[in-house]
Protein backbone atom coordinates (compact mmCIF):
# COMPACT_ATOMS: atom_id res chain seq x y z
CA UNK A 1 0.00 0.00 0.00
CA UNK A 2 2.64 2.49 1.03
CA UNK A 3 4.52 2.59 -2.26
CA UNK A 4 1.41 3.13 -4.39
CA UNK A 5 -0.23 5.86 -2.31
CA UNK A 6 -0.81 9.15 -4.12
CA UNK A 7 -1.96 12.31 -2.32
CA UNK A 8 -4.31 14.98 -3.65
CA UNK A 9 -5.40 18.38 -2.34
CA UNK A 10 -8.82 19.79 -3.24
CA UNK A 11 -8.71 23.58 -2.70
CA UNK A 12 -12.54 23.65 -2.68
CA UNK A 13 -12.60 26.59 -5.08
CA UNK A 14 -10.73 28.91 -2.69
CA UNK A 15 -8.65 31.29 -4.83
CA UNK A 16 -6.05 31.91 -2.12
CA UNK A 17 -5.51 28.19 -1.52
CA UNK A 18 -5.28 27.58 -5.27
CA UNK A 19 -2.58 30.26 -5.59
CA UNK A 20 -0.62 28.76 -2.67
CA UNK A 21 -0.78 25.30 -4.28
CA UNK A 22 0.20 26.62 -7.71
CA UNK A 23 3.19 28.44 -6.21
CA UNK A 24 4.40 25.47 -4.16
CA UNK A 25 3.74 22.46 -6.40
CA UNK A 26 5.07 21.52 -9.80
CA UNK A 27 3.23 22.83 -12.84
CA UNK A 28 1.96 19.38 -13.84
CA UNK A 29 0.46 18.64 -10.41
CA UNK A 30 -3.06 19.75 -11.37
CA UNK A 31 -5.24 16.69 -12.05
CA UNK A 32 -8.43 17.64 -13.82
CA UNK A 33 -11.74 15.79 -13.52
CA UNK A 34 -10.90 13.50 -10.59
CA UNK A 35 -13.94 11.73 -9.13
CA UNK A 36 -14.12 12.42 -5.39
CA UNK A 37 -15.74 10.17 -2.76
CA UNK A 38 -18.96 12.20 -2.85
CA UNK A 39 -19.28 11.45 -6.58
CA UNK A 40 -18.46 15.02 -7.65
CA UNK A 41 -15.84 15.62 -10.32
CA UNK A 42 -13.20 18.12 -9.22
CA UNK A 43 -9.82 19.50 -10.20
CA UNK A 44 -7.30 18.49 -7.52
CA UNK A 45 -3.57 18.94 -7.06
CA UNK A 46 -1.27 15.92 -6.72
CA UNK A 47 1.24 16.37 -3.91
CA UNK A 48 3.76 14.45 -1.85
CA UNK A 49 3.04 13.04 1.56
CA UNK A 50 5.63 15.45 2.94
CA UNK A 51 3.80 18.39 1.37
CA UNK A 52 0.47 17.14 2.80
CA UNK A 53 2.03 17.05 6.28
CA UNK A 54 3.39 20.58 5.85
CA UNK A 55 0.05 21.82 4.53
CA UNK A 56 -1.70 20.44 7.59
CA UNK A 57 0.78 22.16 9.91
CA UNK A 58 0.29 25.60 8.37
CA UNK A 59 -3.42 25.26 7.56
CA UNK A 60 -4.75 27.54 10.29
CA UNK A 61 -1.76 29.90 10.34
CA UNK A 62 -2.22 30.89 6.70
CA UNK A 63 -6.00 30.35 6.47
CA UNK A 64 -6.05 27.59 3.83
CA UNK A 65 -9.25 25.85 2.77
CA UNK A 66 -8.87 22.34 1.37
CA UNK A 67 -9.71 18.68 1.61
CA UNK A 68 -7.02 16.04 1.51
CA UNK A 69 -7.50 12.82 -0.48
CA UNK A 70 -5.41 9.75 -1.11
CA UNK A 71 -5.40 7.00 -3.74
CA UNK A 72 -4.09 3.63 -2.67
CA UNK A 73 -3.43 2.30 -6.17
CA UNK A 74 -3.54 3.85 -9.63
CA UNK A 75 -7.03 3.83 -11.07
CA UNK A 76 -8.79 3.32 -7.74
CA UNK A 77 -11.26 5.87 -6.44
CA UNK A 78 -9.69 8.47 -4.20
CA UNK A 79 -10.69 8.60 -0.53
CA UNK A 80 -10.85 11.53 1.84
CA UNK A 81 -8.17 11.56 4.53
CA UNK A 82 -10.18 12.14 7.72
CA UNK A 83 -7.27 12.68 10.08
CA UNK A 84 -4.43 14.61 8.39
CA UNK A 85 -2.39 14.65 11.61
CA UNK A 86 -1.96 10.87 11.34
CA UNK A 87 0.01 11.08 8.09
CA UNK A 88 3.28 11.76 9.92
CA UNK A 89 2.71 8.79 12.24
CA UNK A 90 2.15 6.46 9.27
CA UNK A 91 5.29 7.71 7.54
CA UNK A 92 7.30 7.33 10.75
CA UNK A 93 6.01 3.78 11.16
CA UNK A 94 7.08 3.09 7.56
CA UNK A 95 3.50 2.19 6.63
CA UNK A 96 3.35 5.03 4.14
CA UNK A 97 6.07 6.13 1.78
CA UNK A 98 6.26 9.82 0.90
CA UNK A 99 5.91 10.69 -2.77
CA UNK A 100 9.37 10.86 -4.37
CA UNK A 101 10.63 14.40 -4.74
CA UNK A 102 11.55 15.77 -8.15
CA UNK A 103 14.47 18.17 -8.02
PDB file of N, CA and C in Angstrom:
ATOM      1  N   UNK A   1       0.813  -1.187   0.000  1.00  0.00           N
ATOM      2  CA  UNK A   1       0.000   0.000   0.000  1.00  0.00           C
ATOM      3  C   UNK A   1       0.858   1.254   0.000  1.00  0.00           C
ATOM      4  N   UNK A   2       1.863   1.274   0.824  1.00  0.00           N
ATOM      5  CA  UNK A   2       2.642   2.494   1.025  1.00  0.00           C
ATOM      6  C   UNK A   2       3.267   3.013  -0.254  1.00  0.00           C
ATOM      7  N   UNK A   3       3.802   2.139  -1.078  1.00  0.00           N
ATOM      8  CA  UNK A   3       4.517   2.590  -2.261  1.00  0.00           C
ATOM      9  C   UNK A   3       3.591   3.134  -3.342  1.00  0.00           C
ATOM     10  N   UNK A   4       2.336   2.715  -3.342  1.00  0.00           N
ATOM     11  CA  UNK A   4       1.412   3.128  -4.386  1.00  0.00           C
ATOM     12  C   UNK A   4       0.548   4.320  -3.994  1.00  0.00           C
ATOM     13  N   UNK A   5       0.644   4.789  -2.787  1.00  0.00           N
ATOM     14  CA  UNK A   5      -0.230   5.858  -2.312  1.00  0.00           C
ATOM     15  C   UNK A   5       0.104   7.187  -2.978  1.00  0.00           C
ATOM     16  N   UNK A   6      -0.937   7.840  -3.491  1.00  0.00           N
ATOM     17  CA  UNK A   6      -0.808   9.152  -4.118  1.00  0.00           C
ATOM     18  C   UNK A   6      -1.713  10.107  -3.345  1.00  0.00           C
ATOM     19  N   UNK A   7      -1.229  11.315  -3.103  1.00  0.00           N
ATOM     20  CA  UNK A   7      -1.963  12.308  -2.324  1.00  0.00           C
ATOM     21  C   UNK A   7      -2.483  13.422  -3.214  1.00  0.00           C
ATOM     22  N   UNK A   8      -3.682  13.905  -2.894  1.00  0.00           N
ATOM     23  CA  UNK A   8      -4.310  14.985  -3.653  1.00  0.00           C
ATOM     24  C   UNK A   8      -4.871  16.029  -2.695  1.00  0.00           C
ATOM     25  N   UNK A   9      -4.821  17.284  -3.115  1.00  0.00           N
ATOM     26  CA  UNK A   9      -5.396  18.383  -2.344  1.00  0.00           C
ATOM     27  C   UNK A   9      -6.505  19.008  -3.183  1.00  0.00           C
ATOM     28  N   UNK A  10      -7.696  19.114  -2.598  1.00  0.00           N
ATOM     29  CA  UNK A  10      -8.817  19.791  -3.242  1.00  0.00           C
ATOM     30  C   UNK A  10      -8.963  21.159  -2.576  1.00  0.00           C
ATOM     31  N   UNK A  11      -8.659  22.243  -3.297  1.00  0.00           N
ATOM     32  CA  UNK A  11      -8.715  23.579  -2.699  1.00  0.00           C
ATOM     33  C   UNK A  11     -10.136  24.109  -2.513  1.00  0.00           C
ATOM     34  N   UNK A  12     -11.128  23.320  -2.872  1.00  0.00           N
ATOM     35  CA  UNK A  12     -12.540  23.653  -2.681  1.00  0.00           C
ATOM     36  C   UNK A  12     -12.928  25.004  -3.278  1.00  0.00           C
ATOM     37  N   UNK A  13     -12.271  25.361  -4.378  1.00  0.00           N
ATOM     38  CA  UNK A  13     -12.599  26.592  -5.080  1.00  0.00           C
ATOM     39  C   UNK A  13     -12.053  27.862  -4.461  1.00  0.00           C
ATOM     40  N   UNK A  14     -11.290  27.738  -3.376  1.00  0.00           N
ATOM     41  CA  UNK A  14     -10.735  28.911  -2.691  1.00  0.00           C
ATOM     42  C   UNK A  14      -9.547  29.465  -3.484  1.00  0.00           C
ATOM     43  N   UNK A  15      -9.683  30.693  -3.961  1.00  0.00           N
ATOM     44  CA  UNK A  15      -8.654  31.289  -4.828  1.00  0.00           C
ATOM     45  C   UNK A  15      -7.302  31.421  -4.127  1.00  0.00           C
ATOM     46  N   UNK A  16      -7.310  31.771  -2.850  1.00  0.00           N
ATOM     47  CA  UNK A  16      -6.051  31.913  -2.115  1.00  0.00           C
ATOM     48  C   UNK A  16      -5.347  30.555  -2.007  1.00  0.00           C
ATOM     49  N   UNK A  17      -6.097  29.523  -1.643  1.00  0.00           N
ATOM     50  CA  UNK A  17      -5.509  28.185  -1.523  1.00  0.00           C
ATOM     51  C   UNK A  17      -4.988  27.707  -2.868  1.00  0.00           C
ATOM     52  N   UNK A  18      -5.734  27.967  -3.937  1.00  0.00           N
ATOM     53  CA  UNK A  18      -5.283  27.581  -5.272  1.00  0.00           C
ATOM     54  C   UNK A  18      -3.960  28.260  -5.607  1.00  0.00           C
ATOM     55  N   UNK A  19      -3.836  29.550  -5.290  1.00  0.00           N
ATOM     56  CA  UNK A  19      -2.580  30.260  -5.592  1.00  0.00           C
ATOM     57  C   UNK A  19      -1.418  29.710  -4.764  1.00  0.00           C
ATOM     58  N   UNK A  20      -1.672  29.351  -3.513  1.00  0.00           N
ATOM     59  CA  UNK A  20      -0.620  28.756  -2.672  1.00  0.00           C
ATOM     60  C   UNK A  20      -0.171  27.426  -3.270  1.00  0.00           C
ATOM     61  N   UNK A  21      -1.118  26.602  -3.684  1.00  0.00           N
ATOM     62  CA  UNK A  21      -0.780  25.303  -4.277  1.00  0.00           C
ATOM     63  C   UNK A  21      -0.025  25.469  -5.588  1.00  0.00           C
ATOM     64  N   UNK A  22      -0.480  26.391  -6.429  1.00  0.00           N
ATOM     65  CA  UNK A  22       0.202  26.623  -7.706  1.00  0.00           C
ATOM     66  C   UNK A  22       1.629  27.121  -7.514  1.00  0.00           C
ATOM     67  N   UNK A  23       1.851  27.905  -6.467  1.00  0.00           N
ATOM     68  CA  UNK A  23       3.191  28.442  -6.208  1.00  0.00           C
ATOM     69  C   UNK A  23       4.127  27.448  -5.523  1.00  0.00           C
ATOM     70  N   UNK A  24       3.570  26.402  -4.926  1.00  0.00           N
ATOM     71  CA  UNK A  24       4.399  25.474  -4.160  1.00  0.00           C
ATOM     72  C   UNK A  24       4.480  24.066  -4.739  1.00  0.00           C
ATOM     73  N   UNK A  25       3.701  23.787  -5.773  1.00  0.00           N
ATOM     74  CA  UNK A  25       3.741  22.464  -6.397  1.00  0.00           C
ATOM     75  C   UNK A  25       4.207  22.602  -7.843  1.00  0.00           C
ATOM     76  N   UNK A  26       4.599  21.497  -8.419  1.00  0.00           N
ATOM     77  CA  UNK A  26       5.070  21.519  -9.800  1.00  0.00           C
ATOM     78  C   UNK A  26       3.923  21.841 -10.742  1.00  0.00           C
ATOM     79  N   UNK A  27       4.253  22.364 -11.901  1.00  0.00           N
ATOM     80  CA  UNK A  27       3.234  22.829 -12.837  1.00  0.00           C
ATOM     81  C   UNK A  27       2.316  21.717 -13.330  1.00  0.00           C
ATOM     82  N   UNK A  28       2.794  20.481 -13.362  1.00  0.00           N
ATOM     83  CA  UNK A  28       1.955  19.377 -13.838  1.00  0.00           C
ATOM     84  C   UNK A  28       1.200  18.671 -12.711  1.00  0.00           C
ATOM     85  N   UNK A  29       1.112  19.289 -11.545  1.00  0.00           N
ATOM     86  CA  UNK A  29       0.463  18.641 -10.412  1.00  0.00           C
ATOM     87  C   UNK A  29      -1.062  18.741 -10.447  1.00  0.00           C
ATOM     88  N   UNK A  30      -1.614  19.623 -11.281  1.00  0.00           N
ATOM     89  CA  UNK A  30      -3.065  19.748 -11.368  1.00  0.00           C
ATOM     90  C   UNK A  30      -3.645  18.542 -12.106  1.00  0.00           C
ATOM     91  N   UNK A  31      -4.564  17.849 -11.460  1.00  0.00           N
ATOM     92  CA  UNK A  31      -5.237  16.693 -12.048  1.00  0.00           C
ATOM     93  C   UNK A  31      -6.699  17.071 -12.270  1.00  0.00           C
ATOM     94  N   UNK A  32      -7.069  17.211 -13.491  1.00  0.00           N
ATOM     95  CA  UNK A  32      -8.435  17.640 -13.824  1.00  0.00           C
ATOM     96  C   UNK A  32      -9.404  16.448 -13.804  1.00  0.00           C
ATOM     97  N   UNK A  33     -10.627  16.749 -13.440  1.00  0.00           N
ATOM     98  CA  UNK A  33     -11.738  15.788 -13.517  1.00  0.00           C
ATOM     99  C   UNK A  33     -11.525  14.510 -12.718  1.00  0.00           C
ATOM    100  N   UNK A  34     -11.066  14.644 -11.488  1.00  0.00           N
ATOM    101  CA  UNK A  34     -10.898  13.497 -10.594  1.00  0.00           C
ATOM    102  C   UNK A  34     -12.232  13.269  -9.877  1.00  0.00           C
ATOM    103  N   UNK A  35     -12.683  12.035  -9.820  1.00  0.00           N
ATOM    104  CA  UNK A  35     -13.940  11.729  -9.134  1.00  0.00           C
ATOM    105  C   UNK A  35     -13.658  11.582  -7.643  1.00  0.00           C
ATOM    106  N   UNK A  36     -14.310  12.421  -6.842  1.00  0.00           N
ATOM    107  CA  UNK A  36     -14.123  12.424  -5.394  1.00  0.00           C
ATOM    108  C   UNK A  36     -15.110  11.456  -4.733  1.00  0.00           C
ATOM    109  N   UNK A  37     -14.890  11.134  -3.457  1.00  0.00           N
ATOM    110  CA  UNK A  37     -15.740  10.169  -2.763  1.00  0.00           C
ATOM    111  C   UNK A  37     -17.232  10.520  -2.762  1.00  0.00           C
ATOM    112  N   UNK A  38     -17.552  11.799  -2.840  1.00  0.00           N
ATOM    113  CA  UNK A  38     -18.961  12.196  -2.853  1.00  0.00           C
ATOM    114  C   UNK A  38     -19.580  12.114  -4.249  1.00  0.00           C
ATOM    115  N   UNK A  39     -18.796  11.620  -5.226  1.00  0.00           N
ATOM    116  CA  UNK A  39     -19.284  11.455  -6.577  1.00  0.00           C
ATOM    117  C   UNK A  39     -19.098  12.684  -7.464  1.00  0.00           C
ATOM    118  N   UNK A  40     -18.680  13.789  -6.886  1.00  0.00           N
ATOM    119  CA  UNK A  40     -18.458  15.016  -7.645  1.00  0.00           C
ATOM    120  C   UNK A  40     -17.124  14.943  -8.385  1.00  0.00           C
ATOM    121  N   UNK A  41     -17.075  15.556  -9.547  1.00  0.00           N
ATOM    122  CA  UNK A  41     -15.841  15.619 -10.325  1.00  0.00           C
ATOM    123  C   UNK A  41     -15.181  16.961 -10.031  1.00  0.00           C
ATOM    124  N   UNK A  42     -13.915  16.909  -9.596  1.00  0.00           N
ATOM    125  CA  UNK A  42     -13.198  18.125  -9.215  1.00  0.00           C
ATOM    126  C   UNK A  42     -11.793  18.132  -9.793  1.00  0.00           C
ATOM    127  N   UNK A  43     -11.234  19.339  -9.864  1.00  0.00           N
ATOM    128  CA  UNK A  43      -9.820  19.501 -10.199  1.00  0.00           C
ATOM    129  C   UNK A  43      -9.049  19.501  -8.886  1.00  0.00           C
ATOM    130  N   UNK A  44      -8.094  18.597  -8.744  1.00  0.00           N
ATOM    131  CA  UNK A  44      -7.304  18.488  -7.521  1.00  0.00           C
ATOM    132  C   UNK A  44      -5.822  18.572  -7.874  1.00  0.00           C
ATOM    133  N   UNK A  45      -5.008  18.839  -6.876  1.00  0.00           N
ATOM    134  CA  UNK A  45      -3.566  18.937  -7.064  1.00  0.00           C
ATOM    135  C   UNK A  45      -2.897  17.710  -6.456  1.00  0.00           C
ATOM    136  N   UNK A  46      -2.041  17.040  -7.242  1.00  0.00           N
ATOM    137  CA  UNK A  46      -1.266  15.916  -6.725  1.00  0.00           C
ATOM    138  C   UNK A  46      -0.113  16.485  -5.911  1.00  0.00           C
ATOM    139  N   UNK A  47       0.138  15.885  -4.751  1.00  0.00           N
ATOM    140  CA  UNK A  47       1.242  16.369  -3.910  1.00  0.00           C
ATOM    141  C   UNK A  47       1.929  15.194  -3.229  1.00  0.00           C
ATOM    142  N   UNK A  48       3.035  15.477  -2.604  1.00  0.00           N
ATOM    143  CA  UNK A  48       3.763  14.452  -1.855  1.00  0.00           C
ATOM    144  C   UNK A  48       3.170  14.331  -0.458  1.00  0.00           C
ATOM    145  N   UNK A  49       3.468  13.232   0.171  1.00  0.00           N
ATOM    146  CA  UNK A  49       3.043  13.037   1.560  1.00  0.00           C
ATOM    147  C   UNK A  49       3.674  14.109   2.442  1.00  0.00           C
ATOM    148  N   UNK A  50       4.926  14.427   2.180  1.00  0.00           N
ATOM    149  CA  UNK A  50       5.633  15.452   2.942  1.00  0.00           C
ATOM    150  C   UNK A  50       4.934  16.799   2.805  1.00  0.00           C
ATOM    151  N   UNK A  51       4.504  17.131   1.587  1.00  0.00           N
ATOM    152  CA  UNK A  51       3.800  18.393   1.369  1.00  0.00           C
ATOM    153  C   UNK A  51       2.457  18.392   2.106  1.00  0.00           C
ATOM    154  N   UNK A  52       1.757  17.253   2.090  1.00  0.00           N
ATOM    155  CA  UNK A  52       0.473  17.143   2.795  1.00  0.00           C
ATOM    156  C   UNK A  52       0.657  17.373   4.293  1.00  0.00           C
ATOM    157  N   UNK A  53       1.732  16.836   4.855  1.00  0.00           N
ATOM    158  CA  UNK A  53       2.026  17.047   6.279  1.00  0.00           C
ATOM    159  C   UNK A  53       2.272  18.527   6.539  1.00  0.00           C
ATOM    160  N   UNK A  54       3.085  19.150   5.697  1.00  0.00           N
ATOM    161  CA  UNK A  54       3.389  20.577   5.855  1.00  0.00           C
ATOM    162  C   UNK A  54       2.120  21.417   5.716  1.00  0.00           C
ATOM    163  N   UNK A  55       1.295  21.096   4.751  1.00  0.00           N
ATOM    164  CA  UNK A  55       0.047  21.824   4.534  1.00  0.00           C
ATOM    165  C   UNK A  55      -0.833  21.762   5.775  1.00  0.00           C
ATOM    166  N   UNK A  56      -0.899  20.598   6.377  1.00  0.00           N
ATOM    167  CA  UNK A  56      -1.705  20.440   7.590  1.00  0.00           C
ATOM    168  C   UNK A  56      -1.153  21.279   8.739  1.00  0.00           C
ATOM    169  N   UNK A  57       0.169  21.377   8.831  1.00  0.00           N
ATOM    170  CA  UNK A  57       0.783  22.162   9.908  1.00  0.00           C
ATOM    171  C   UNK A  57       0.481  23.656   9.792  1.00  0.00           C
ATOM    172  N   UNK A  58       0.462  24.165   8.572  1.00  0.00           N
ATOM    173  CA  UNK A  58       0.288  25.604   8.374  1.00  0.00           C
ATOM    174  C   UNK A  58      -1.147  25.993   8.034  1.00  0.00           C
ATOM    175  N   UNK A  59      -2.036  25.037   7.990  1.00  0.00           N
ATOM    176  CA  UNK A  59      -3.423  25.261   7.557  1.00  0.00           C
ATOM    177  C   UNK A  59      -4.085  26.450   8.245  1.00  0.00           C
ATOM    178  N   UNK A  60      -4.078  26.475   9.553  1.00  0.00           N
ATOM    179  CA  UNK A  60      -4.750  27.545  10.285  1.00  0.00           C
ATOM    180  C   UNK A  60      -3.930  28.828  10.317  1.00  0.00           C
ATOM    181  N   UNK A  61      -2.619  28.711  10.300  1.00  0.00           N
ATOM    182  CA  UNK A  61      -1.765  29.899  10.339  1.00  0.00           C
ATOM    183  C   UNK A  61      -1.935  30.762   9.095  1.00  0.00           C
ATOM    184  N   UNK A  62      -2.115  30.128   7.945  1.00  0.00           N
ATOM    185  CA  UNK A  62      -2.218  30.893   6.704  1.00  0.00           C
ATOM    186  C   UNK A  62      -3.620  30.830   6.093  1.00  0.00           C
ATOM    187  N   UNK A  63      -4.590  30.342   6.855  1.00  0.00           N
ATOM    188  CA  UNK A  63      -5.996  30.347   6.465  1.00  0.00           C
ATOM    189  C   UNK A  63      -6.246  29.642   5.133  1.00  0.00           C
ATOM    190  N   UNK A  64      -5.827  28.381   5.040  1.00  0.00           N
ATOM    191  CA  UNK A  64      -6.046  27.594   3.831  1.00  0.00           C
ATOM    192  C   UNK A  64      -7.341  26.794   3.948  1.00  0.00           C
ATOM    193  N   UNK A  65      -8.024  26.644   2.833  1.00  0.00           N
ATOM    194  CA  UNK A  65      -9.246  25.851   2.774  1.00  0.00           C
ATOM    195  C   UNK A  65      -9.006  24.710   1.794  1.00  0.00           C
ATOM    196  N   UNK A  66      -9.094  23.479   2.259  1.00  0.00           N
ATOM    197  CA  UNK A  66      -8.874  22.336   1.366  1.00  0.00           C
ATOM    198  C   UNK A  66      -9.377  21.054   1.999  1.00  0.00           C
ATOM    199  N   UNK A  67      -9.479  20.050   1.155  1.00  0.00           N
ATOM    200  CA  UNK A  67      -9.709  18.675   1.607  1.00  0.00           C
ATOM    201  C   UNK A  67      -8.540  17.858   1.087  1.00  0.00           C
ATOM    202  N   UNK A  68      -8.137  16.891   1.871  1.00  0.00           N
ATOM    203  CA  UNK A  68      -7.016  16.035   1.506  1.00  0.00           C
ATOM    204  C   UNK A  68      -7.548  14.656   1.134  1.00  0.00           C
ATOM    205  N   UNK A  69      -7.086  14.146  -0.001  1.00  0.00           N
ATOM    206  CA  UNK A  69      -7.502  12.825  -0.477  1.00  0.00           C
ATOM    207  C   UNK A  69      -6.272  11.965  -0.735  1.00  0.00           C
ATOM    208  N   UNK A  70      -6.492  10.657  -0.754  1.00  0.00           N
ATOM    209  CA  UNK A  70      -5.410   9.747  -1.110  1.00  0.00           C
ATOM    210  C   UNK A  70      -5.956   8.651  -2.016  1.00  0.00           C
ATOM    211  N   UNK A  71      -5.069   8.084  -2.816  1.00  0.00           N
ATOM    212  CA  UNK A  71      -5.398   7.004  -3.736  1.00  0.00           C
ATOM    213  C   UNK A  71      -4.419   5.880  -3.445  1.00  0.00           C
ATOM    214  N   UNK A  72      -4.942   4.740  -3.072  1.00  0.00           N
ATOM    215  CA  UNK A  72      -4.086   3.627  -2.666  1.00  0.00           C
ATOM    216  C   UNK A  72      -3.368   2.989  -3.845  1.00  0.00           C
ATOM    217  N   UNK A  73      -4.042   2.869  -4.971  1.00  0.00           N
ATOM    218  CA  UNK A  73      -3.429   2.298  -6.174  1.00  0.00           C
ATOM    219  C   UNK A  73      -3.959   3.044  -7.387  1.00  0.00           C
ATOM    220  N   UNK A  74      -3.146   3.124  -8.421  1.00  0.00           N
ATOM    221  CA  UNK A  74      -3.541   3.851  -9.633  1.00  0.00           C
ATOM    222  C   UNK A  74      -4.861   3.310 -10.170  1.00  0.00           C
ATOM    223  N   UNK A  75      -5.742   4.220 -10.514  1.00  0.00           N
ATOM    224  CA  UNK A  75      -7.027   3.831 -11.070  1.00  0.00           C
ATOM    225  C   UNK A  75      -8.122   3.587 -10.052  1.00  0.00           C
ATOM    226  N   UNK A  76      -7.781   3.506  -8.799  1.00  0.00           N
ATOM    227  CA  UNK A  76      -8.788   3.316  -7.744  1.00  0.00           C
ATOM    228  C   UNK A  76      -9.414   4.660  -7.404  1.00  0.00           C
ATOM    229  N   UNK A  77     -10.617   4.623  -6.838  1.00  0.00           N
ATOM    230  CA  UNK A  77     -11.257   5.871  -6.443  1.00  0.00           C
ATOM    231  C   UNK A  77     -10.500   6.480  -5.259  1.00  0.00           C
ATOM    232  N   UNK A  78     -10.384   7.809  -5.297  1.00  0.00           N
ATOM    233  CA  UNK A  78      -9.693   8.470  -4.197  1.00  0.00           C
ATOM    234  C   UNK A  78     -10.598   8.505  -2.973  1.00  0.00           C
ATOM    235  N   UNK A  79      -9.968   8.571  -1.810  1.00  0.00           N
ATOM    236  CA  UNK A  79     -10.686   8.602  -0.532  1.00  0.00           C
ATOM    237  C   UNK A  79     -10.266   9.848   0.234  1.00  0.00           C
ATOM    238  N   UNK A  80     -11.198  10.372   1.025  1.00  0.00           N
ATOM    239  CA  UNK A  80     -10.854  11.533   1.837  1.00  0.00           C
ATOM    240  C   UNK A  80     -10.038  11.074   3.044  1.00  0.00           C
ATOM    241  N   UNK A  81      -9.005  11.851   3.369  1.00  0.00           N
ATOM    242  CA  UNK A  81      -8.170  11.556   4.534  1.00  0.00           C
ATOM    243  C   UNK A  81      -8.813  12.258   5.727  1.00  0.00           C
ATOM    244  N   UNK A  82      -9.427  11.508   6.631  1.00  0.00           N
ATOM    245  CA  UNK A  82     -10.177  12.140   7.722  1.00  0.00           C
ATOM    246  C   UNK A  82      -9.314  12.726   8.833  1.00  0.00           C
ATOM    247  N   UNK A  83      -8.117  12.228   8.983  1.00  0.00           N
ATOM    248  CA  UNK A  83      -7.271  12.680  10.084  1.00  0.00           C
ATOM    249  C   UNK A  83      -5.889  13.046   9.571  1.00  0.00           C
ATOM    250  N   UNK A  84      -5.731  14.243   8.988  1.00  0.00           N
ATOM    251  CA  UNK A  84      -4.433  14.612   8.393  1.00  0.00           C
ATOM    252  C   UNK A  84      -3.257  14.516   9.362  1.00  0.00           C
ATOM    253  N   UNK A  85      -3.499  14.700  10.648  1.00  0.00           N
ATOM    254  CA  UNK A  85      -2.390  14.652  11.609  1.00  0.00           C
ATOM    255  C   UNK A  85      -1.784  13.252  11.735  1.00  0.00           C
ATOM    256  N   UNK A  86      -2.474  12.232  11.246  1.00  0.00           N
ATOM    257  CA  UNK A  86      -1.956  10.867  11.342  1.00  0.00           C
ATOM    258  C   UNK A  86      -0.983  10.515  10.210  1.00  0.00           C
ATOM    259  N   UNK A  87      -0.879  11.369   9.210  1.00  0.00           N
ATOM    260  CA  UNK A  87       0.015  11.082   8.090  1.00  0.00           C
ATOM    261  C   UNK A  87       1.444  10.903   8.581  1.00  0.00           C
ATOM    262  N   UNK A  88       1.901  11.817   9.420  1.00  0.00           N
ATOM    263  CA  UNK A  88       3.278  11.762   9.923  1.00  0.00           C
ATOM    264  C   UNK A  88       3.526  10.466  10.683  1.00  0.00           C
ATOM    265  N   UNK A  89       2.555  10.024  11.475  1.00  0.00           N
ATOM    266  CA  UNK A  89       2.714   8.789  12.237  1.00  0.00           C
ATOM    267  C   UNK A  89       2.837   7.582  11.303  1.00  0.00           C
ATOM    268  N   UNK A  90       2.069   7.563  10.225  1.00  0.00           N
ATOM    269  CA  UNK A  90       2.154   6.461   9.274  1.00  0.00           C
ATOM    270  C   UNK A  90       3.497   6.449   8.550  1.00  0.00           C
ATOM    271  N   UNK A  91       3.989   7.623   8.186  1.00  0.00           N
ATOM    272  CA  UNK A  91       5.294   7.713   7.538  1.00  0.00           C
ATOM    273  C   UNK A  91       6.378   7.251   8.499  1.00  0.00           C
ATOM    274  N   UNK A  92       6.304   7.709   9.746  1.00  0.00           N
ATOM    275  CA  UNK A  92       7.296   7.332  10.748  1.00  0.00           C
ATOM    276  C   UNK A  92       7.288   5.826  11.004  1.00  0.00           C
ATOM    277  N   UNK A  93       6.122   5.217  10.939  1.00  0.00           N
ATOM    278  CA  UNK A  93       6.006   3.776  11.163  1.00  0.00           C
ATOM    279  C   UNK A  93       6.318   2.978   9.895  1.00  0.00           C
ATOM    280  N   UNK A  94       6.726   3.696   8.842  1.00  0.00           N
ATOM    281  CA  UNK A  94       7.084   3.092   7.560  1.00  0.00           C
ATOM    282  C   UNK A  94       5.915   2.348   6.922  1.00  0.00           C
ATOM    283  N   UNK A  95       4.682   2.772   7.245  1.00  0.00           N
ATOM    284  CA  UNK A  95       3.501   2.188   6.625  1.00  0.00           C
ATOM    285  C   UNK A  95       3.069   3.010   5.417  1.00  0.00           C
ATOM    286  N   UNK A  96       3.700   4.153   5.236  1.00  0.00           N
ATOM    287  CA  UNK A  96       3.348   5.026   4.136  1.00  0.00           C
ATOM    288  C   UNK A  96       4.622   5.673   3.635  1.00  0.00           C
ATOM    289  N   UNK A  97       4.859   5.562   2.350  1.00  0.00           N
ATOM    290  CA  UNK A  97       6.071   6.126   1.778  1.00  0.00           C
ATOM    291  C   UNK A  97       5.745   7.482   1.152  1.00  0.00           C
ATOM    292  N   UNK A  98       6.489   8.512   1.519  1.00  0.00           N
ATOM    293  CA  UNK A  98       6.256   9.818   0.902  1.00  0.00           C
ATOM    294  C   UNK A  98       6.488   9.766  -0.602  1.00  0.00           C
ATOM    295  N   UNK A  99       5.768  10.587  -1.315  1.00  0.00           N
ATOM    296  CA  UNK A  99       5.910  10.688  -2.768  1.00  0.00           C
ATOM    297  C   UNK A  99       7.335  11.117  -3.091  1.00  0.00           C
ATOM    298  N   UNK A 100       7.995  10.476  -4.064  1.00  0.00           N
ATOM    299  CA  UNK A 100       9.373  10.863  -4.372  1.00  0.00           C
ATOM    300  C   UNK A 100       9.448  12.315  -4.844  1.00  0.00           C
ATOM    301  N   UNK A 101      10.451  12.991  -4.413  1.00  0.00           N
ATOM    302  CA  UNK A 101      10.633  14.401  -4.742  1.00  0.00           C
ATOM    303  C   UNK A 101      11.346  14.561  -6.069  1.00  0.00           C
ATOM    304  N   UNK A 102      10.882  15.488  -6.873  1.00  0.00           N
ATOM    305  CA  UNK A 102      11.555  15.771  -8.154  1.00  0.00           C
ATOM    306  C   UNK A 102      12.338  17.063  -8.002  1.00  0.00           C
ATOM    307  N   UNK A 103      13.633  16.970  -8.139  1.00  0.00           N
ATOM    308  CA  UNK A 103      14.470  18.168  -8.020  1.00  0.00           C
ATOM    309  C   UNK A 103      15.044  18.577  -9.350  1.00  0.00           C
TER     310      UNK A 103
END
